[in-house]
PDB file of N, CA and C in Angstrom:
ATOM      1  N   UNK A   1      82.937-137.482  80.486  1.00  0.00           N
ATOM      2  CA  UNK A   1      83.063-136.036  80.385  1.00  0.00           C
ATOM      3  C   UNK A   1      82.318-135.395  81.545  1.00  0.00           C
ATOM      4  N   UNK A   2      82.955-134.493  82.195  1.00  0.00           N
ATOM      5  CA  UNK A   2      82.387-133.821  83.362  1.00  0.00           C
ATOM      6  C   UNK A   2      81.643-132.554  82.924  1.00  0.00           C
ATOM      7  N   UNK A   3      80.409-132.394  83.395  1.00  0.00           N
ATOM      8  CA  UNK A   3      79.587-131.229  83.062  1.00  0.00           C
ATOM      9  C   UNK A   3      79.895-130.117  84.065  1.00  0.00           C
ATOM     10  N   UNK A   4      80.213-128.902  83.581  1.00  0.00           N
ATOM     11  CA  UNK A   4      80.494-127.799  84.505  1.00  0.00           C
ATOM     12  C   UNK A   4      79.309-127.536  85.445  1.00  0.00           C
ATOM     13  N   UNK A   5      79.623-127.059  86.632  1.00  0.00           N
ATOM     14  CA  UNK A   5      78.606-126.799  87.653  1.00  0.00           C
ATOM     15  C   UNK A   5      77.535-125.847  87.125  1.00  0.00           C
ATOM     16  N   UNK A   6      77.934-124.805  86.421  1.00  0.00           N
ATOM     17  CA  UNK A   6      76.967-123.821  85.914  1.00  0.00           C
ATOM     18  C   UNK A   6      75.972-124.479  84.961  1.00  0.00           C
ATOM     19  N   UNK A   7      76.463-125.370  84.139  1.00  0.00           N
ATOM     20  CA  UNK A   7      75.592-126.073  83.178  1.00  0.00           C
ATOM     21  C   UNK A   7      74.623-126.992  83.905  1.00  0.00           C
ATOM     22  N   UNK A   8      75.131-127.729  84.896  1.00  0.00           N
ATOM     23  CA  UNK A   8      74.256-128.607  85.686  1.00  0.00           C
ATOM     24  C   UNK A   8      73.175-127.807  86.390  1.00  0.00           C
ATOM     25  N   UNK A   9      73.547-126.648  86.936  1.00  0.00           N
ATOM     26  CA  UNK A   9      72.570-125.797  87.623  1.00  0.00           C
ATOM     27  C   UNK A   9      71.526-125.265  86.645  1.00  0.00           C
ATOM     28  N   UNK A  10      71.955-124.875  85.456  1.00  0.00           N
ATOM     29  CA  UNK A  10      71.016-124.387  84.439  1.00  0.00           C
ATOM     30  C   UNK A  10      70.046-125.494  84.029  1.00  0.00           C
ATOM     31  N   UNK A  11      70.554-126.706  83.849  1.00  0.00           N
ATOM     32  CA  UNK A  11      69.693-127.834  83.493  1.00  0.00           C
ATOM     33  C   UNK A  11      68.675-128.122  84.587  1.00  0.00           C
ATOM     34  N   UNK A  12      69.105-128.058  85.829  1.00  0.00           N
ATOM     35  CA  UNK A  12      68.196-128.319  86.951  1.00  0.00           C
ATOM     36  C   UNK A  12      67.129-127.224  87.063  1.00  0.00           C
ATOM     37  N   UNK A  13      67.510-125.962  86.904  1.00  0.00           N
ATOM     38  CA  UNK A  13      66.522-124.865  86.940  1.00  0.00           C
ATOM     39  C   UNK A  13      65.502-125.022  85.820  1.00  0.00           C
ATOM     40  N   UNK A  14      65.969-125.384  84.637  1.00  0.00           N
ATOM     41  CA  UNK A  14      65.065-125.586  83.500  1.00  0.00           C
ATOM     42  C   UNK A  14      64.098-126.732  83.781  1.00  0.00           C
ATOM     43  N   UNK A  15      64.595-127.818  84.343  1.00  0.00           N
ATOM     44  CA  UNK A  15      63.756-128.977  84.671  1.00  0.00           C
ATOM     45  C   UNK A  15      62.692-128.596  85.704  1.00  0.00           C
ATOM     46  N   UNK A  16      63.094-127.838  86.728  1.00  0.00           N
ATOM     47  CA  UNK A  16      62.149-127.424  87.768  1.00  0.00           C
ATOM     48  C   UNK A  16      61.067-126.490  87.212  1.00  0.00           C
ATOM     49  N   UNK A  17      61.459-125.575  86.335  1.00  0.00           N
ATOM     50  CA  UNK A  17      60.482-124.663  85.738  1.00  0.00           C
ATOM     51  C   UNK A  17      59.479-125.434  84.887  1.00  0.00           C
ATOM     52  N   UNK A  18      59.968-126.341  84.076  1.00  0.00           N
ATOM     53  CA  UNK A  18      59.069-127.132  83.238  1.00  0.00           C
ATOM     54  C   UNK A  18      58.098-127.922  84.108  1.00  0.00           C
ATOM     55  N   UNK A  19      58.605-128.549  85.158  1.00  0.00           N
ATOM     56  CA  UNK A  19      57.746-129.324  86.069  1.00  0.00           C
ATOM     57  C   UNK A  19      56.694-128.445  86.733  1.00  0.00           C
ATOM     58  N   UNK A  20      57.049-127.195  87.024  1.00  0.00           N
ATOM     59  CA  UNK A  20      56.104-126.276  87.670  1.00  0.00           C
ATOM     60  C   UNK A  20      54.977-125.861  86.725  1.00  0.00           C
ATOM     61  N   UNK A  21      55.254-125.856  85.427  1.00  0.00           N
ATOM     62  CA  UNK A  21      54.267-125.393  84.450  1.00  0.00           C
ATOM     63  C   UNK A  21      53.351-126.492  83.923  1.00  0.00           C
ATOM     64  N   UNK A  22      53.768-127.742  84.060  1.00  0.00           N
ATOM     65  CA  UNK A  22      52.993-128.852  83.494  1.00  0.00           C
ATOM     66  C   UNK A  22      52.252-129.623  84.575  1.00  0.00           C
ATOM     67  N   UNK A  23      51.140-130.196  84.178  1.00  0.00           N
ATOM     68  CA  UNK A  23      50.410-131.089  85.075  1.00  0.00           C
ATOM     69  C   UNK A  23      51.131-132.436  85.110  1.00  0.00           C
ATOM     70  N   UNK A  24      50.757-133.274  86.050  1.00  0.00           N
ATOM     71  CA  UNK A  24      51.336-134.626  86.111  1.00  0.00           C
ATOM     72  C   UNK A  24      51.060-135.378  84.812  1.00  0.00           C
ATOM     73  N   UNK A  25      49.845-135.213  84.280  1.00  0.00           N
ATOM     74  CA  UNK A  25      49.494-135.878  83.024  1.00  0.00           C
ATOM     75  C   UNK A  25      50.350-135.403  81.867  1.00  0.00           C
ATOM     76  N   UNK A  26      50.614-134.111  81.801  1.00  0.00           N
ATOM     77  CA  UNK A  26      51.456-133.570  80.734  1.00  0.00           C
ATOM     78  C   UNK A  26      52.897-134.050  80.873  1.00  0.00           C
ATOM     79  N   UNK A  27      53.390-134.097  82.109  1.00  0.00           N
ATOM     80  CA  UNK A  27      54.751-134.600  82.336  1.00  0.00           C
ATOM     81  C   UNK A  27      54.870-136.052  81.909  1.00  0.00           C
ATOM     82  N   UNK A  28      53.852-136.846  82.246  1.00  0.00           N
ATOM     83  CA  UNK A  28      53.862-138.258  81.870  1.00  0.00           C
ATOM     84  C   UNK A  28      53.831-138.405  80.355  1.00  0.00           C
ATOM     85  N   UNK A  29      52.954-137.643  79.708  1.00  0.00           N
ATOM     86  CA  UNK A  29      52.829-137.698  78.250  1.00  0.00           C
ATOM     87  C   UNK A  29      54.152-137.302  77.585  1.00  0.00           C
ATOM     88  N   UNK A  30      54.792-136.229  78.065  1.00  0.00           N
ATOM     89  CA  UNK A  30      56.076-135.784  77.526  1.00  0.00           C
ATOM     90  C   UNK A  30      57.140-136.872  77.706  1.00  0.00           C
ATOM     91  N   UNK A  31      57.164-137.484  78.863  1.00  0.00           N
ATOM     92  CA  UNK A  31      58.139-138.531  79.142  1.00  0.00           C
ATOM     93  C   UNK A  31      57.937-139.751  78.241  1.00  0.00           C
ATOM     94  N   UNK A  32      56.701-140.136  78.037  1.00  0.00           N
ATOM     95  CA  UNK A  32      56.408-141.332  77.242  1.00  0.00           C
ATOM     96  C   UNK A  32      56.563-141.099  75.740  1.00  0.00           C
ATOM     97  N   UNK A  33      56.098-139.964  75.257  1.00  0.00           N
ATOM     98  CA  UNK A  33      56.078-139.701  73.814  1.00  0.00           C
ATOM     99  C   UNK A  33      57.294-138.921  73.311  1.00  0.00           C
ATOM    100  N   UNK A  34      58.032-138.292  74.208  1.00  0.00           N
ATOM    101  CA  UNK A  34      59.177-137.441  73.910  1.00  0.00           C
ATOM    102  C   UNK A  34      58.763-136.206  73.099  1.00  0.00           C
ATOM    103  N   UNK A  35      57.529-135.816  73.242  1.00  0.00           N
ATOM    104  CA  UNK A  35      57.048-134.522  72.752  1.00  0.00           C
ATOM    105  C   UNK A  35      55.883-134.119  73.635  1.00  0.00           C
ATOM    106  N   UNK A  36      55.643-132.815  73.708  1.00  0.00           N
ATOM    107  CA  UNK A  36      54.550-132.286  74.522  1.00  0.00           C
ATOM    108  C   UNK A  36      53.404-131.857  73.622  1.00  0.00           C
ATOM    109  N   UNK A  37      52.218-132.376  73.894  1.00  0.00           N
ATOM    110  CA  UNK A  37      51.026-131.977  73.149  1.00  0.00           C
ATOM    111  C   UNK A  37      50.445-130.722  73.795  1.00  0.00           C
ATOM    112  N   UNK A  38      50.210-129.696  72.972  1.00  0.00           N
ATOM    113  CA  UNK A  38      49.633-128.441  73.448  1.00  0.00           C
ATOM    114  C   UNK A  38      48.456-128.085  72.558  1.00  0.00           C
ATOM    115  N   UNK A  39      47.276-127.974  73.145  1.00  0.00           N
ATOM    116  CA  UNK A  39      46.088-127.573  72.383  1.00  0.00           C
ATOM    117  C   UNK A  39      46.186-126.091  72.025  1.00  0.00           C
ATOM    118  N   UNK A  40      45.770-125.769  70.831  1.00  0.00           N
ATOM    119  CA  UNK A  40      45.736-124.377  70.392  1.00  0.00           C
ATOM    120  C   UNK A  40      44.681-123.615  71.175  1.00  0.00           C
ATOM    121  N   UNK A  41      45.051-122.428  71.690  1.00  0.00           N
ATOM    122  CA  UNK A  41      44.038-121.628  72.377  1.00  0.00           C
ATOM    123  C   UNK A  41      43.079-120.921  71.427  1.00  0.00           C
ATOM    124  N   UNK A  42      43.419-120.833  70.135  1.00  0.00           N
ATOM    125  CA  UNK A  42      42.567-120.082  69.221  1.00  0.00           C
ATOM    126  C   UNK A  42      42.082-120.814  67.980  1.00  0.00           C
ATOM    127  N   UNK A  43      42.620-121.988  67.700  1.00  0.00           N
ATOM    128  CA  UNK A  43      42.180-122.759  66.541  1.00  0.00           C
ATOM    129  C   UNK A  43      41.579-124.081  67.014  1.00  0.00           C
ATOM    130  N   UNK A  44      40.276-124.249  66.853  1.00  0.00           N
ATOM    131  CA  UNK A  44      39.671-125.518  67.264  1.00  0.00           C
ATOM    132  C   UNK A  44      40.308-126.673  66.489  1.00  0.00           C
ATOM    133  N   UNK A  45      40.467-127.777  67.146  1.00  0.00           N
ATOM    134  CA  UNK A  45      41.002-128.997  66.524  1.00  0.00           C
ATOM    135  C   UNK A  45      42.469-128.907  66.119  1.00  0.00           C
ATOM    136  N   UNK A  46      43.197-127.907  66.619  1.00  0.00           N
ATOM    137  CA  UNK A  46      44.633-127.809  66.334  1.00  0.00           C
ATOM    138  C   UNK A  46      45.400-128.198  67.592  1.00  0.00           C
ATOM    139  N   UNK A  47      46.502-128.928  67.341  1.00  0.00           N
ATOM    140  CA  UNK A  47      47.381-129.348  68.431  1.00  0.00           C
ATOM    141  C   UNK A  47      48.822-129.173  67.976  1.00  0.00           C
ATOM    142  N   UNK A  48      49.644-128.645  68.875  1.00  0.00           N
ATOM    143  CA  UNK A  48      51.071-128.512  68.618  1.00  0.00           C
ATOM    144  C   UNK A  48      51.781-129.646  69.344  1.00  0.00           C
ATOM    145  N   UNK A  49      52.789-130.201  68.703  1.00  0.00           N
ATOM    146  CA  UNK A  49      53.612-131.244  69.333  1.00  0.00           C
ATOM    147  C   UNK A  49      55.039-130.723  69.424  1.00  0.00           C
ATOM    148  N   UNK A  50      55.385-130.301  70.621  1.00  0.00           N
ATOM    149  CA  UNK A  50      56.696-129.711  70.885  1.00  0.00           C
ATOM    150  C   UNK A  50      57.681-130.833  71.194  1.00  0.00           C
ATOM    151  N   UNK A  51      58.772-130.928  70.433  1.00  0.00           N
ATOM    152  CA  UNK A  51      59.712-132.017  70.687  1.00  0.00           C
ATOM    153  C   UNK A  51      60.434-131.858  72.019  1.00  0.00           C
ATOM    154  N   UNK A  52      60.728-132.987  72.640  1.00  0.00           N
ATOM    155  CA  UNK A  52      61.445-132.974  73.909  1.00  0.00           C
ATOM    156  C   UNK A  52      62.912-132.624  73.750  1.00  0.00           C
ATOM    157  N   UNK A  53      63.408-132.701  72.543  1.00  0.00           N
ATOM    158  CA  UNK A  53      64.786-132.352  72.237  1.00  0.00           C
ATOM    159  C   UNK A  53      64.749-131.479  70.992  1.00  0.00           C
ATOM    160  N   UNK A  54      65.835-131.338  70.316  1.00  0.00           N
ATOM    161  CA  UNK A  54      65.884-130.477  69.128  1.00  0.00           C
ATOM    162  C   UNK A  54      64.936-130.983  68.051  1.00  0.00           C
ATOM    163  N   UNK A  55      64.371-130.068  67.317  1.00  0.00           N
ATOM    164  CA  UNK A  55      63.497-130.437  66.212  1.00  0.00           C
ATOM    165  C   UNK A  55      62.391-129.431  66.009  1.00  0.00           C
ATOM    166  N   UNK A  56      61.661-129.623  64.946  1.00  0.00           N
ATOM    167  CA  UNK A  56      60.558-128.721  64.618  1.00  0.00           C
ATOM    168  C   UNK A  56      59.297-129.115  65.385  1.00  0.00           C
ATOM    169  N   UNK A  57      58.473-128.113  65.629  1.00  0.00           N
ATOM    170  CA  UNK A  57      57.167-128.338  66.240  1.00  0.00           C
ATOM    171  C   UNK A  57      56.231-128.826  65.140  1.00  0.00           C
ATOM    172  N   UNK A  58      55.553-129.928  65.390  1.00  0.00           N
ATOM    173  CA  UNK A  58      54.581-130.449  64.427  1.00  0.00           C
ATOM    174  C   UNK A  58      53.210-129.902  64.767  1.00  0.00           C
ATOM    175  N   UNK A  59      52.457-129.536  63.744  1.00  0.00           N
ATOM    176  CA  UNK A  59      51.107-129.014  63.928  1.00  0.00           C
ATOM    177  C   UNK A  59      50.132-130.029  63.357  1.00  0.00           C
ATOM    178  N   UNK A  60      49.153-130.387  64.172  1.00  0.00           N
ATOM    179  CA  UNK A  60      48.113-131.340  63.767  1.00  0.00           C
ATOM    180  C   UNK A  60      46.780-130.608  63.736  1.00  0.00           C
ATOM    181  N   UNK A  61      46.003-130.872  62.704  1.00  0.00           N
ATOM    182  CA  UNK A  61      44.631-130.371  62.589  1.00  0.00           C
ATOM    183  C   UNK A  61      43.740-131.589  62.438  1.00  0.00           C
ATOM    184  N   UNK A  62      42.741-131.702  63.302  1.00  0.00           N
ATOM    185  CA  UNK A  62      41.844-132.868  63.261  1.00  0.00           C
ATOM    186  C   UNK A  62      42.635-134.181  63.276  1.00  0.00           C
ATOM    187  N   UNK A  63      43.655-134.236  64.131  1.00  0.00           N
ATOM    188  CA  UNK A  63      44.489-135.426  64.331  1.00  0.00           C
ATOM    189  C   UNK A  63      45.333-135.820  63.120  1.00  0.00           C
ATOM    190  N   UNK A  64      45.518-134.890  62.175  1.00  0.00           N
ATOM    191  CA  UNK A  64      46.359-135.159  61.006  1.00  0.00           C
ATOM    192  C   UNK A  64      47.463-134.104  60.939  1.00  0.00           C
ATOM    193  N   UNK A  65      48.711-134.531  60.687  1.00  0.00           N
ATOM    194  CA  UNK A  65      49.794-133.547  60.593  1.00  0.00           C
ATOM    195  C   UNK A  65      49.606-132.648  59.373  1.00  0.00           C
ATOM    196  N   UNK A  66      49.758-131.340  59.582  1.00  0.00           N
ATOM    197  CA  UNK A  66      49.553-130.391  58.486  1.00  0.00           C
ATOM    198  C   UNK A  66      50.784-129.554  58.163  1.00  0.00           C
ATOM    199  N   UNK A  67      51.605-129.262  59.181  1.00  0.00           N
ATOM    200  CA  UNK A  67      52.785-128.428  58.937  1.00  0.00           C
ATOM    201  C   UNK A  67      53.796-128.611  60.052  1.00  0.00           C
ATOM    202  N   UNK A  68      54.995-128.096  59.769  1.00  0.00           N
ATOM    203  CA  UNK A  68      56.072-128.089  60.754  1.00  0.00           C
ATOM    204  C   UNK A  68      56.495-126.640  60.964  1.00  0.00           C
ATOM    205  N   UNK A  69      56.799-126.306  62.218  1.00  0.00           N
ATOM    206  CA  UNK A  69      57.221-124.946  62.548  1.00  0.00           C
ATOM    207  C   UNK A  69      58.649-124.959  63.058  1.00  0.00           C
ATOM    208  N   UNK A  70      59.440-124.053  62.534  1.00  0.00           N
ATOM    209  CA  UNK A  70      60.806-123.890  62.991  1.00  0.00           C
ATOM    210  C   UNK A  70      60.895-122.558  63.728  1.00  0.00           C
ATOM    211  N   UNK A  71      60.985-122.654  65.032  1.00  0.00           N
ATOM    212  CA  UNK A  71      61.129-121.482  65.895  1.00  0.00           C
ATOM    213  C   UNK A  71      62.158-121.879  66.940  1.00  0.00           C
ATOM    214  N   UNK A  72      63.222-121.122  67.059  1.00  0.00           N
ATOM    215  CA  UNK A  72      64.245-121.521  68.013  1.00  0.00           C
ATOM    216  C   UNK A  72      64.942-120.343  68.643  1.00  0.00           C
ATOM    217  N   UNK A  73      65.633-120.617  69.745  1.00  0.00           N
ATOM    218  CA  UNK A  73      66.373-119.558  70.434  1.00  0.00           C
ATOM    219  C   UNK A  73      67.591-119.130  69.612  1.00  0.00           C
ATOM    220  N   UNK A  74      68.086-117.957  69.912  1.00  0.00           N
ATOM    221  CA  UNK A  74      69.259-117.441  69.217  1.00  0.00           C
ATOM    222  C   UNK A  74      70.553-117.900  69.873  1.00  0.00           C
ATOM    223  N   UNK A  75      70.432-118.547  71.044  1.00  0.00           N
ATOM    224  CA  UNK A  75      71.616-119.104  71.703  1.00  0.00           C
ATOM    225  C   UNK A  75      71.243-120.432  72.345  1.00  0.00           C
ATOM    226  N   UNK A  76      72.239-121.183  72.745  1.00  0.00           N
ATOM    227  CA  UNK A  76      72.003-122.493  73.336  1.00  0.00           C
ATOM    228  C   UNK A  76      71.243-122.355  74.662  1.00  0.00           C
ATOM    229  N   UNK A  77      70.221-123.177  74.802  1.00  0.00           N
ATOM    230  CA  UNK A  77      69.439-123.247  76.038  1.00  0.00           C
ATOM    231  C   UNK A  77      69.236-124.713  76.380  1.00  0.00           C
ATOM    232  N   UNK A  78      69.009-125.003  77.652  1.00  0.00           N
ATOM    233  CA  UNK A  78      68.633-126.373  77.998  1.00  0.00           C
ATOM    234  C   UNK A  78      67.352-126.758  77.267  1.00  0.00           C
ATOM    235  N   UNK A  79      67.239-128.015  76.886  1.00  0.00           N
ATOM    236  CA  UNK A  79      66.064-128.490  76.136  1.00  0.00           C
ATOM    237  C   UNK A  79      64.762-128.161  76.865  1.00  0.00           C
ATOM    238  N   UNK A  80      64.750-128.294  78.188  1.00  0.00           N
ATOM    239  CA  UNK A  80      63.522-127.995  78.933  1.00  0.00           C
ATOM    240  C   UNK A  80      63.146-126.521  78.831  1.00  0.00           C
ATOM    241  N   UNK A  81      64.131-125.619  78.758  1.00  0.00           N
ATOM    242  CA  UNK A  81      63.827-124.197  78.567  1.00  0.00           C
ATOM    243  C   UNK A  81      63.238-123.935  77.187  1.00  0.00           C
ATOM    244  N   UNK A  82      63.685-124.667  76.191  1.00  0.00           N
ATOM    245  CA  UNK A  82      63.131-124.513  74.837  1.00  0.00           C
ATOM    246  C   UNK A  82      61.668-124.963  74.838  1.00  0.00           C
ATOM    247  N   UNK A  83      61.374-126.065  75.513  1.00  0.00           N
ATOM    248  CA  UNK A  83      59.988-126.531  75.622  1.00  0.00           C
ATOM    249  C   UNK A  83      59.136-125.470  76.308  1.00  0.00           C
ATOM    250  N   UNK A  84      59.630-124.912  77.404  1.00  0.00           N
ATOM    251  CA  UNK A  84      58.908-123.864  78.139  1.00  0.00           C
ATOM    252  C   UNK A  84      58.650-122.661  77.241  1.00  0.00           C
ATOM    253  N   UNK A  85      59.631-122.272  76.453  1.00  0.00           N
ATOM    254  CA  UNK A  85      59.476-121.122  75.557  1.00  0.00           C
ATOM    255  C   UNK A  85      58.345-121.358  74.556  1.00  0.00           C
ATOM    256  N   UNK A  86      58.353-122.511  73.903  1.00  0.00           N
ATOM    257  CA  UNK A  86      57.274-122.836  72.960  1.00  0.00           C
ATOM    258  C   UNK A  86      55.923-122.829  73.686  1.00  0.00           C
ATOM    259  N   UNK A  87      55.862-123.489  74.821  1.00  0.00           N
ATOM    260  CA  UNK A  87      54.619-123.606  75.584  1.00  0.00           C
ATOM    261  C   UNK A  87      54.053-122.234  75.937  1.00  0.00           C
ATOM    262  N   UNK A  88      54.881-121.364  76.498  1.00  0.00           N
ATOM    263  CA  UNK A  88      54.405-120.043  76.919  1.00  0.00           C
ATOM    264  C   UNK A  88      54.021-119.166  75.739  1.00  0.00           C
ATOM    265  N   UNK A  89      54.771-119.260  74.634  1.00  0.00           N
ATOM    266  CA  UNK A  89      54.420-118.462  73.459  1.00  0.00           C
ATOM    267  C   UNK A  89      53.100-118.931  72.848  1.00  0.00           C
ATOM    268  N   UNK A  90      52.911-120.230  72.766  1.00  0.00           N
ATOM    269  CA  UNK A  90      51.646-120.741  72.201  1.00  0.00           C
ATOM    270  C   UNK A  90      50.481-120.344  73.093  1.00  0.00           C
ATOM    271  N   UNK A  91      50.612-120.557  74.376  1.00  0.00           N
ATOM    272  CA  UNK A  91      49.517-120.246  75.302  1.00  0.00           C
ATOM    273  C   UNK A  91      49.304-118.744  75.478  1.00  0.00           C
ATOM    274  N   UNK A  92      50.391-117.968  75.410  1.00  0.00           N
ATOM    275  CA  UNK A  92      50.294-116.538  75.696  1.00  0.00           C
ATOM    276  C   UNK A  92      50.001-115.655  74.503  1.00  0.00           C
ATOM    277  N   UNK A  93      50.547-115.978  73.337  1.00  0.00           N
ATOM    278  CA  UNK A  93      50.347-115.144  72.148  1.00  0.00           C
ATOM    279  C   UNK A  93      50.585-116.003  70.902  1.00  0.00           C
ATOM    280  N   UNK A  94      49.635-116.872  70.665  1.00  0.00           N
ATOM    281  CA  UNK A  94      49.758-117.832  69.569  1.00  0.00           C
ATOM    282  C   UNK A  94      49.950-117.147  68.219  1.00  0.00           C
ATOM    283  N   UNK A  95      49.261-116.051  67.984  1.00  0.00           N
ATOM    284  CA  UNK A  95      49.381-115.360  66.696  1.00  0.00           C
ATOM    285  C   UNK A  95      50.801-114.847  66.476  1.00  0.00           C
ATOM    286  N   UNK A  96      51.393-114.302  67.502  1.00  0.00           N
ATOM    287  CA  UNK A  96      52.776-113.816  67.385  1.00  0.00           C
ATOM    288  C   UNK A  96      53.736-114.985  67.189  1.00  0.00           C
ATOM    289  N   UNK A  97      53.508-116.060  67.912  1.00  0.00           N
ATOM    290  CA  UNK A  97      54.326-117.267  67.759  1.00  0.00           C
ATOM    291  C   UNK A  97      54.303-117.720  66.301  1.00  0.00           C
ATOM    292  N   UNK A  98      53.119-117.797  65.731  1.00  0.00           N
ATOM    293  CA  UNK A  98      52.986-118.234  64.341  1.00  0.00           C
ATOM    294  C   UNK A  98      53.628-117.246  63.369  1.00  0.00           C
ATOM    295  N   UNK A  99      53.565-115.954  63.682  1.00  0.00           N
ATOM    296  CA  UNK A  99      54.154-114.957  62.783  1.00  0.00           C
ATOM    297  C   UNK A  99      55.683-115.013  62.791  1.00  0.00           C
ATOM    298  N   UNK A 100      56.260-115.504  63.865  1.00  0.00           N
ATOM    299  CA  UNK A 100      57.720-115.602  63.973  1.00  0.00           C
ATOM    300  C   UNK A 100      58.257-116.918  63.406  1.00  0.00           C
ATOM    301  N   UNK A 101      57.408-117.921  63.294  1.00  0.00           N
ATOM    302  CA  UNK A 101      57.843-119.260  62.879  1.00  0.00           C
ATOM    303  C   UNK A 101      58.088-119.334  61.375  1.00  0.00           C
ATOM    304  N   UNK A 102      59.076-120.126  61.018  1.00  0.00           N
ATOM    305  CA  UNK A 102      59.243-120.528  59.631  1.00  0.00           C
ATOM    306  C   UNK A 102      58.359-121.751  59.455  1.00  0.00           C
ATOM    307  N   UNK A 103      57.462-121.682  58.490  1.00  0.00           N
ATOM    308  CA  UNK A 103      56.469-122.743  58.295  1.00  0.00           C
ATOM    309  C   UNK A 103      56.865-123.616  57.115  1.00  0.00           C
ATOM    310  N   UNK A 104      56.804-124.922  57.348  1.00  0.00           N
ATOM    311  CA  UNK A 104      57.120-125.901  56.312  1.00  0.00           C
ATOM    312  C   UNK A 104      55.959-126.880  56.208  1.00  0.00           C
ATOM    313  N   UNK A 105      55.659-127.336  54.988  1.00  0.00           N
ATOM    314  CA  UNK A 105      54.599-128.334  54.867  1.00  0.00           C
ATOM    315  C   UNK A 105      55.030-129.622  55.555  1.00  0.00           C
ATOM    316  N   UNK A 106      54.056-130.380  56.003  1.00  0.00           N
ATOM    317  CA  UNK A 106      54.355-131.683  56.580  1.00  0.00           C
ATOM    318  C   UNK A 106      54.622-132.659  55.457  1.00  0.00           C
ATOM    319  N   UNK A 107      55.724-133.361  55.517  1.00  0.00           N
ATOM    320  CA  UNK A 107      56.065-134.316  54.458  1.00  0.00           C
ATOM    321  C   UNK A 107      55.851-135.722  54.919  1.00  0.00           C
TER     322      UNK A 107
END
């Protein structure tokens, strides 16, 4: 199946933006684990695990999973753009991010 040029360009722009925002260590961790670990800017001992593809964000407190967050775009975006969105919302306005998320207990 051939991917349209516009889609390929969107995927490449998303990949470049994600690479620009992450350190080499974060890129390596994302590549190896298929999720991005993001420390909470306002809750000590909290870490968000943003999936590299579709799925809920897992929240860990003191290295133990506590909840899952469902926050997603209203239209299709490249997976790397979804990661960037979660990353910027958590780092930029974590309280608003949490207020918009549907929260589910970790099972």
